Protein backbone atom coordinates (compact mmCIF):
# COMPACT_ATOMS: atom_id res chain seq x y z
CA MET A 1 0.11 -0.04 -0.46
CA PRO A 2 1.26 3.45 -1.10
CA ASP A 3 2.91 5.37 1.74
CA ASP A 4 0.81 8.99 0.97
CA ARG A 5 2.01 11.21 3.70
CA PRO A 6 3.77 14.53 2.96
CA ARG A 7 7.82 13.99 2.50
CA LEU A 8 10.37 16.03 4.18
CA VAL A 9 14.11 16.38 3.55
CA LEU A 10 16.63 16.26 6.42
CA ALA A 11 19.41 18.51 5.30
CA THR A 12 22.73 15.39 6.47
CA ARG A 13 23.37 12.54 5.14
CA ASN A 14 24.00 11.22 8.27
CA PRO A 15 21.58 8.29 8.53
CA HIS A 16 21.13 8.36 12.84
CA LYS A 17 19.94 12.13 12.13
CA VAL A 18 17.29 10.88 10.45
CA VAL A 19 15.86 8.15 12.98
CA GLU A 20 16.38 11.00 15.51
CA LEU A 21 14.17 13.34 13.43
CA ALA A 22 11.61 10.48 12.82
CA ARG A 23 11.38 9.91 16.27
CA ILE A 24 10.94 12.86 17.55
CA LEU A 25 8.03 13.77 14.62
CA ALA A 26 6.58 9.95 15.81
CA ASP A 27 6.51 11.13 19.15
CA THR A 28 4.49 14.20 18.39
CA GLY A 29 1.86 12.78 16.56
CA VAL A 30 3.60 14.15 13.16
CA GLY A 31 2.90 11.58 10.80
CA VAL A 32 5.49 12.60 7.32
CA GLN A 33 7.92 10.74 5.55
CA VAL A 34 11.84 11.59 7.16
CA THR A 35 14.38 11.29 3.92
CA ASP A 36 18.08 12.55 3.88
CA LEU A 37 20.60 13.63 1.18
CA GLY A 38 21.04 10.60 0.26
CA GLU A 39 18.41 10.24 -2.14
CA PHE A 40 19.68 13.24 -3.54
CA PRO A 41 23.40 13.57 -4.68
CA ALA A 42 22.64 17.29 -6.92
CA VAL A 43 22.31 19.31 -3.84
CA PRO A 44 25.94 20.86 -2.94
CA ASP A 45 27.07 21.23 -0.01
CA VAL A 46 26.37 24.61 1.57
CA LEU A 47 29.08 27.26 3.31
CA GLU A 48 28.22 28.08 6.24
CA THR A 49 28.30 32.12 6.25
CA GLY A 50 25.53 33.11 8.27
CA ALA A 51 25.90 35.42 11.14
CA THR A 52 23.75 33.46 13.39
CA PHE A 53 22.36 29.71 13.76
CA ALA A 54 19.54 30.21 12.11
CA ASP A 55 20.73 31.93 9.59
CA ASN A 56 23.10 28.78 8.56
CA ALA A 57 19.70 26.40 8.97
CA LEU A 58 17.58 28.46 6.55
CA LEU A 59 20.93 28.63 4.45
CA LYS A 60 21.00 24.84 4.15
CA ALA A 61 17.17 24.41 3.87
CA ARG A 62 16.53 26.86 1.27
CA ALA A 63 19.35 25.04 -1.03
CA VAL A 64 17.83 21.77 -0.20
CA THR A 65 14.23 22.90 -1.21
CA ALA A 66 15.63 24.69 -4.28
CA VAL A 67 17.04 21.56 -5.41
CA THR A 68 14.56 18.85 -4.02
CA HIS A 69 11.30 20.88 -4.66
CA LEU A 70 10.28 19.10 -1.19
CA PRO A 71 10.11 20.59 2.22
CA ALA A 72 13.38 20.34 3.91
CA VAL A 73 14.39 21.03 7.57
CA ALA A 74 18.19 21.50 8.74
CA ASP A 75 19.88 22.75 11.40
CA ASP A 76 23.35 24.58 12.73
CA SER A 77 24.37 23.90 16.63
CA GLY A 78 27.30 25.70 18.56
CA LEU A 79 29.18 26.05 22.03
CA CYS A 80 28.64 29.98 23.19
CA ALA A 81 30.96 30.89 26.32
CA ASP A 82 29.55 33.70 28.52
CA ALA A 83 33.23 34.80 28.99
CA LEU A 84 34.00 35.04 25.22
CA ASN A 85 30.92 37.19 24.66
CA GLY A 86 28.75 34.03 23.48
CA MET A 87 31.90 33.13 21.11
CA PRO A 88 32.95 30.64 19.30
CA GLY A 89 29.01 30.65 18.47
CA VAL A 90 28.67 29.47 14.52
CA LEU A 91 32.31 29.57 14.37
CA SER A 92 32.39 26.68 17.13
CA ALA A 93 33.53 23.88 13.92
CA ARG A 94 36.47 26.07 12.44
CA TRP A 95 37.07 27.83 15.90
CA SER A 96 41.28 27.15 15.15
CA GLY A 97 40.97 28.10 11.62
CA ARG A 98 41.12 24.26 10.90
CA PRO A 99 37.13 23.29 9.76
CA GLY A 100 36.09 20.40 12.07
CA ASP A 101 39.58 19.78 13.74
CA ASP A 102 37.72 19.03 17.16
CA GLU A 103 40.78 18.56 19.02
CA ALA A 104 42.53 21.73 18.05
CA ASN A 105 39.12 23.84 18.73
CA LEU A 106 38.80 22.86 22.25
CA ALA A 107 42.56 23.26 22.79
CA LEU A 108 41.99 26.80 21.91
CA LEU A 109 38.90 27.65 23.49
CA LEU A 110 40.77 26.07 26.91
CA SER A 111 43.41 28.24 26.65
CA GLN A 112 41.39 30.80 26.00
CA LEU A 113 39.62 30.26 28.98
CA GLY A 114 43.03 29.10 31.27
CA ASP A 115 42.14 32.44 33.31
CA VAL A 116 38.36 33.07 33.97
CA PRO A 117 37.48 31.38 37.37
CA ASP A 118 35.14 29.32 37.53
CA ASP A 119 32.08 31.40 38.55
CA ARG A 120 32.19 32.83 34.85
CA ARG A 121 33.01 29.88 33.13
CA GLY A 122 29.13 29.80 32.34
CA ALA A 123 28.07 28.88 28.40
CA HIS A 124 25.44 26.92 26.17
CA PHE A 125 25.21 24.53 23.43
CA ALA A 126 22.37 26.58 21.08
CA CYS A 127 20.50 24.83 18.15
CA ALA A 128 18.51 26.10 15.62
CA ALA A 129 16.04 24.53 13.48
CA ALA A 130 14.90 25.63 10.14
CA LEU A 131 12.15 24.20 7.90
CA VAL A 132 11.48 25.93 4.59
CA LEU A 133 8.73 25.02 2.17
CA PRO A 134 8.76 25.15 -1.22
CA SER A 135 5.92 27.32 -1.52
CA GLY A 136 8.14 30.04 0.83
CA GLY A 137 7.17 29.47 3.73
CA GLU A 138 9.93 29.56 6.37
CA ARG A 139 9.97 28.55 10.38
CA VAL A 140 12.93 28.52 12.93
CA SER A 141 13.19 26.68 16.15
CA GLU A 142 15.62 26.86 18.86
CA GLY A 143 16.83 24.93 21.55
CA MET A 144 19.50 25.23 24.03
CA LEU A 145 21.61 23.34 26.57
CA HIS A 146 22.77 25.70 29.56
CA GLY A 147 25.89 24.37 31.58
CA ARG A 148 29.87 25.43 32.54
CA LEU A 149 32.88 24.65 30.70
CA ILE A 150 35.29 22.73 33.26
CA ARG A 151 39.64 23.18 32.96
CA GLU A 152 40.46 19.57 31.59
CA PRO A 153 38.34 17.17 29.20
CA ARG A 154 37.09 14.80 30.34
CA GLY A 155 35.05 11.30 28.66
CA THR A 156 35.53 9.83 25.42
CA ASN A 157 31.30 9.10 24.32
CA GLY A 158 31.11 12.72 22.66
CA PHE A 159 32.62 15.29 20.21
CA GLY A 160 33.55 18.51 19.67
CA TYR A 161 33.05 20.49 22.94
CA ASP A 162 31.38 17.55 25.02
CA PRO A 163 34.54 16.65 26.93
CA ILE A 164 34.65 19.99 28.79
CA PHE A 165 30.53 21.01 29.30
CA VAL A 166 28.73 20.06 32.24
CA PRO A 167 24.80 20.45 32.21
CA ASP A 168 23.70 22.64 34.82
CA GLY A 169 22.10 19.91 37.17
CA SER A 170 24.87 17.75 36.30
CA ASP A 171 28.36 16.29 37.15
CA LEU A 172 28.99 14.60 34.26
CA THR A 173 30.58 15.76 31.18
CA THR A 174 28.43 15.76 27.87
CA ALA A 175 31.42 13.14 26.28
CA GLU A 176 30.48 11.03 29.71
CA MET A 177 27.05 10.85 29.24
CA SER A 178 25.32 7.73 27.32
CA ALA A 179 24.01 8.46 24.05
CA ALA A 180 20.48 8.02 25.48
CA GLU A 181 21.39 10.73 28.52
CA LYS A 182 22.40 13.10 25.84
CA ASP A 183 19.84 12.96 23.30
CA SER A 184 17.11 13.42 26.20
CA ILE A 185 18.96 17.21 27.17
CA SER A 186 20.34 17.91 23.95
CA HIS A 187 19.81 21.38 22.47
CA ARG A 188 19.62 19.71 18.81
CA GLY A 189 17.04 17.50 20.15
CA ARG A 190 14.83 20.73 22.11
CA ALA A 191 15.33 22.37 18.75
CA LEU A 192 13.77 19.89 16.44
CA ARG A 193 10.98 19.08 19.12
CA GLY A 194 10.03 22.70 19.36
CA LEU A 195 9.42 22.61 15.53
CA ALA A 196 7.57 19.66 15.11
CA PRO A 197 4.15 21.53 15.61
CA ALA A 198 5.30 23.99 12.87
CA ILE A 199 6.24 21.11 10.39
CA SER A 200 2.30 19.15 11.05
CA ASP A 201 0.60 22.87 11.18
CA LEU A 202 2.20 23.55 7.86
CA LEU A 203 2.83 19.90 5.78
CA CYS A 204 -0.41 18.15 7.52
CA GLY A 205 -2.77 20.58 8.13
CA ARG A 206 -3.39 20.05 11.66
CA VAL A 207 -3.28 23.25 14.56
CA HIS A 208 -1.67 21.94 17.73
CA THR A 209 -2.89 23.77 20.92
CA THR A 210 -1.97 23.79 24.74
CA GLU A 211 -3.96 24.68 27.60
CA GLY A 212 -5.02 28.15 26.17
CA GLU A 213 -3.68 29.34 22.23
CA ALA A 214 -2.05 28.03 19.57
CA MET A 215 1.80 28.31 19.73
CA ALA A 216 4.26 27.74 17.25
CA THR A 217 8.42 27.32 16.69
CA GLN A 218 9.58 27.96 19.95
CA VAL A 219 11.32 25.73 22.31
CA ARG A 220 9.56 23.85 24.32
CA LEU A 221 10.32 21.87 27.88
CA ALA A 222 9.51 18.89 28.25
CA PRO A 223 9.32 16.18 31.41
CA GLY A 224 12.92 15.08 32.16
CA ASP A 225 14.64 17.80 30.53
CA VAL A 226 17.42 19.73 32.78
CA ALA A 227 15.95 23.14 33.66
CA PRO A 228 17.55 26.00 32.25
CA GLY A 229 19.62 27.55 34.94
CA PHE A 230 19.64 31.24 35.78
CA THR A 231 20.44 33.84 38.18
CA LEU A 232 17.88 36.67 38.54
CA PRO A 233 17.81 39.79 40.43
CA ASP A 234 14.16 39.90 42.90
CA ALA A 235 12.29 43.04 43.30
CA ASP A 236 15.01 43.77 45.98
CA GLY A 237 17.76 43.67 43.54
CA GLN A 238 18.91 40.49 44.77
CA GLU A 239 20.36 38.00 43.10
CA VAL A 240 18.29 34.66 43.16
CA SER A 241 19.26 31.61 41.17
CA LEU A 242 18.27 28.04 40.32
CA ALA A 243 21.19 26.58 41.59
CA SER A 244 20.77 28.12 45.30
CA LEU A 245 17.48 26.07 45.29
CA HIS A 246 18.77 23.21 44.09
CA GLY A 247 17.48 20.13 46.51
CA GLN A 248 13.75 21.52 47.09
CA LYS A 249 11.14 21.40 44.42
CA VAL A 250 10.62 25.10 42.58
CA ILE A 251 6.97 26.20 40.61
CA ILE A 252 8.43 28.55 38.09
CA TYR A 253 6.29 30.69 36.04
CA PHE A 254 6.37 33.57 33.51
CA TYR A 255 3.74 36.23 33.04
CA PRO A 256 3.42 39.33 30.59
CA ALA A 257 3.51 42.14 32.75
CA ALA A 258 2.85 42.98 36.45
CA MET A 259 0.17 44.71 37.72
CA THR A 260 -1.56 43.91 34.89
CA PRO A 261 -5.54 42.08 35.60
CA GLY A 262 -4.66 38.70 34.07
CA CYS A 263 -1.35 38.82 36.06
CA THR A 264 -2.41 39.90 39.20
CA THR A 265 -5.04 37.41 38.96
CA GLU A 266 -2.24 34.72 38.93
CA ALA A 267 -0.37 36.46 41.04
CA CYS A 268 -2.86 36.68 43.96
CA ASP A 269 -3.95 32.85 43.11
CA PHE A 270 -0.27 31.78 44.03
CA ARG A 271 -0.14 33.82 46.97
CA ASP A 272 -3.53 32.74 48.61
CA ASN A 273 -2.51 28.78 47.59
CA LEU A 274 1.36 29.57 48.96
CA ALA A 275 0.90 27.78 52.27
CA GLY A 276 -0.41 24.42 50.49
CA LEU A 277 2.27 24.29 48.09
CA SER A 278 4.82 25.54 50.86
CA ALA A 279 3.24 22.20 53.12
CA VAL A 280 4.40 19.65 50.57
CA GLY A 281 7.77 21.48 50.04
CA LEU A 282 7.25 23.76 46.82
CA ALA A 283 8.50 26.84 46.34
CA VAL A 284 7.12 29.78 43.99
CA LEU A 285 9.15 31.91 41.59
CA GLY A 286 7.34 34.56 39.24
CA ILE A 287 9.71 35.96 36.30
CA SER A 288 8.30 38.70 33.94
CA PRO A 289 10.71 41.36 31.81
CA ASP A 290 9.19 43.82 34.83
CA PRO A 291 12.53 45.91 36.26
CA PRO A 292 13.34 45.44 39.69
CA ALA A 293 11.32 48.87 41.14
CA LYS A 294 8.27 47.62 39.55
CA LEU A 295 7.95 44.22 40.60
CA ALA A 296 8.41 45.99 44.18
CA LYS A 297 5.38 48.08 43.68
CA PHE A 298 3.55 44.79 42.52
CA ARG A 299 4.64 43.12 45.16
CA ASP A 300 3.72 45.70 48.16
CA ARG A 301 0.35 46.54 46.45
CA ASP A 302 -0.67 42.86 46.08
CA LYS A 303 1.03 41.51 49.20
CA LEU A 304 2.87 39.13 47.28
CA THR A 305 4.38 36.75 49.78
CA PHE A 306 7.23 35.03 46.97
CA PRO A 307 9.91 36.07 44.67
CA LEU A 308 9.06 37.98 41.69
CA LEU A 309 12.40 37.88 39.22
CA SER A 310 13.42 40.60 36.81
CA ASP A 311 14.23 39.01 33.43
CA PRO A 312 14.49 42.25 30.91
CA ASP A 313 16.64 40.65 28.22
CA LEU A 314 13.57 37.70 28.03
CA ALA A 315 17.02 35.16 28.20
CA VAL A 316 15.66 33.23 30.78
CA HIS A 317 12.02 33.19 28.97
CA LYS A 318 13.72 32.72 26.02
CA ALA A 319 15.42 29.23 27.33
CA TYR A 320 12.37 28.11 28.83
CA GLY A 321 10.30 28.42 25.59
CA ALA A 322 8.14 31.15 27.66
CA TYR A 323 8.46 33.86 24.33
CA GLY A 324 8.04 33.70 21.02
CA GLU A 325 5.74 33.59 18.43
CA LYS A 326 1.70 32.94 19.48
CA MET A 327 -1.53 33.13 18.08
CA LEU A 328 -4.01 35.14 20.60
CA TYR A 329 -7.22 36.58 19.50
CA GLY A 330 -6.75 34.12 15.81
CA LYS A 331 -3.98 36.71 14.84
CA LYS A 332 0.07 35.84 14.83
CA THR A 333 2.19 37.97 17.51
CA THR A 334 5.20 37.89 19.24
CA GLY A 335 5.64 37.63 22.56
CA VAL A 336 5.72 36.33 26.53
CA ILE A 337 3.83 33.05 26.53
CA ARG A 338 2.31 32.74 30.02
CA SER A 339 3.97 29.56 31.16
CA THR A 340 4.96 27.02 34.31
CA PHE A 341 7.24 24.48 35.58
CA VAL A 342 7.59 22.38 38.28
CA ILE A 343 11.13 21.80 38.68
CA GLY A 344 12.22 18.51 40.38
CA ALA A 345 14.53 18.40 43.45
CA ASP A 346 17.10 16.89 41.05
CA GLY A 347 16.85 19.85 38.78
CA THR A 348 15.07 18.46 35.95
CA VAL A 349 11.46 19.34 34.92
CA ASP A 350 8.35 17.37 36.30
CA ARG A 351 5.86 19.43 34.65
CA ALA A 352 5.39 22.09 31.85
CA TYR A 353 2.70 23.94 30.86
CA TYR A 354 2.90 26.53 27.80
CA ALA A 355 -0.20 29.00 26.86
CA VAL A 356 -1.77 28.28 30.23
CA LYS A 357 -4.90 30.51 31.41
CA ALA A 358 -4.27 33.17 33.88
CA THR A 359 -7.74 32.66 35.62
CA GLY A 360 -7.85 29.01 37.39
CA HIS A 361 -4.53 27.89 36.57
CA VAL A 362 -3.19 27.58 40.02
CA ALA A 363 -6.06 25.12 40.91
CA ARG A 364 -5.44 22.88 38.15
CA LEU A 365 -1.76 23.05 39.19
CA ARG A 366 -2.78 21.85 42.64
CA LYS A 367 -5.63 19.11 41.54
CA GLU A 368 -2.68 17.76 39.53
CA LEU A 369 -0.01 17.83 41.60
CA GLY A 370 -2.26 16.33 44.40
CA VAL A 371 -2.02 19.02 46.76
């Protein structure tokens, strides 16, 4: 019997990547056929000349679609070191000047970070996955894995910078993890999972919704993912880090703006239920783009008794998939996506809720948590 599902080309000649994408799409209920460039020898190699991971992913996906006349998915990824202002970034694979020389790239990076103290050796792996259609439609999803860089390589299971990268919540480098452990938290897996709804919407004609509004093309954390680490100022300007709460269960909720009606309702619901949540060992953190001064007014006006954190550059929102493209009242827009995460004592995501409603969400959360 012929397979009449839509066809999708993954811009790689690596069959393992095809299996990975097919598995992710199947797990999310997207019915497509996935193939690779092995069927299309005429597709040329594409130089990664873009300024961002998204640029490079789009360059590759567009080139594949131009030759095959089929929808294509491509990705680009790399390591971003905080002390180097996000470099090597898109230059990760050729940081030493010799493309693909993992040993030289790693040695150069370690030498550049030699005098950097441990508390400034934060880093993240980043990946952008792009979908390009023959009609010209395009979507991009990004995924990140936050962690820190150690001083000596450890492990032999990875490649590139894996031997010096330790994800938040782990004591192992990504080169010491099994393939299954790494795949479950990888930046690439997150980017591809975030692209799955767009593939479904555009290729299969389906719309994916959550508790509230439809969403597309941002990272989605899932149970078992390592919660991205962060340090943010609270309403008094004091820094609060997720790492400081390790060993305790935490509810993190993202909201668009302090002192607005919906956000006030949600915050007061958490305030009124805080005793019950605390009784079962759950702390609560609220995160928004508001500056600390506004958060202080919000806290004092509504007598909020849990920390409100400021994320003005939206970096933490984006790491959790709580900022991006969404459908609001039938119109496409970009902004904060009201989202809630339950983080386990081990630093992994227990539950993830996207596009929640301001009213009634805390009651639903308590019911599902058995509080």
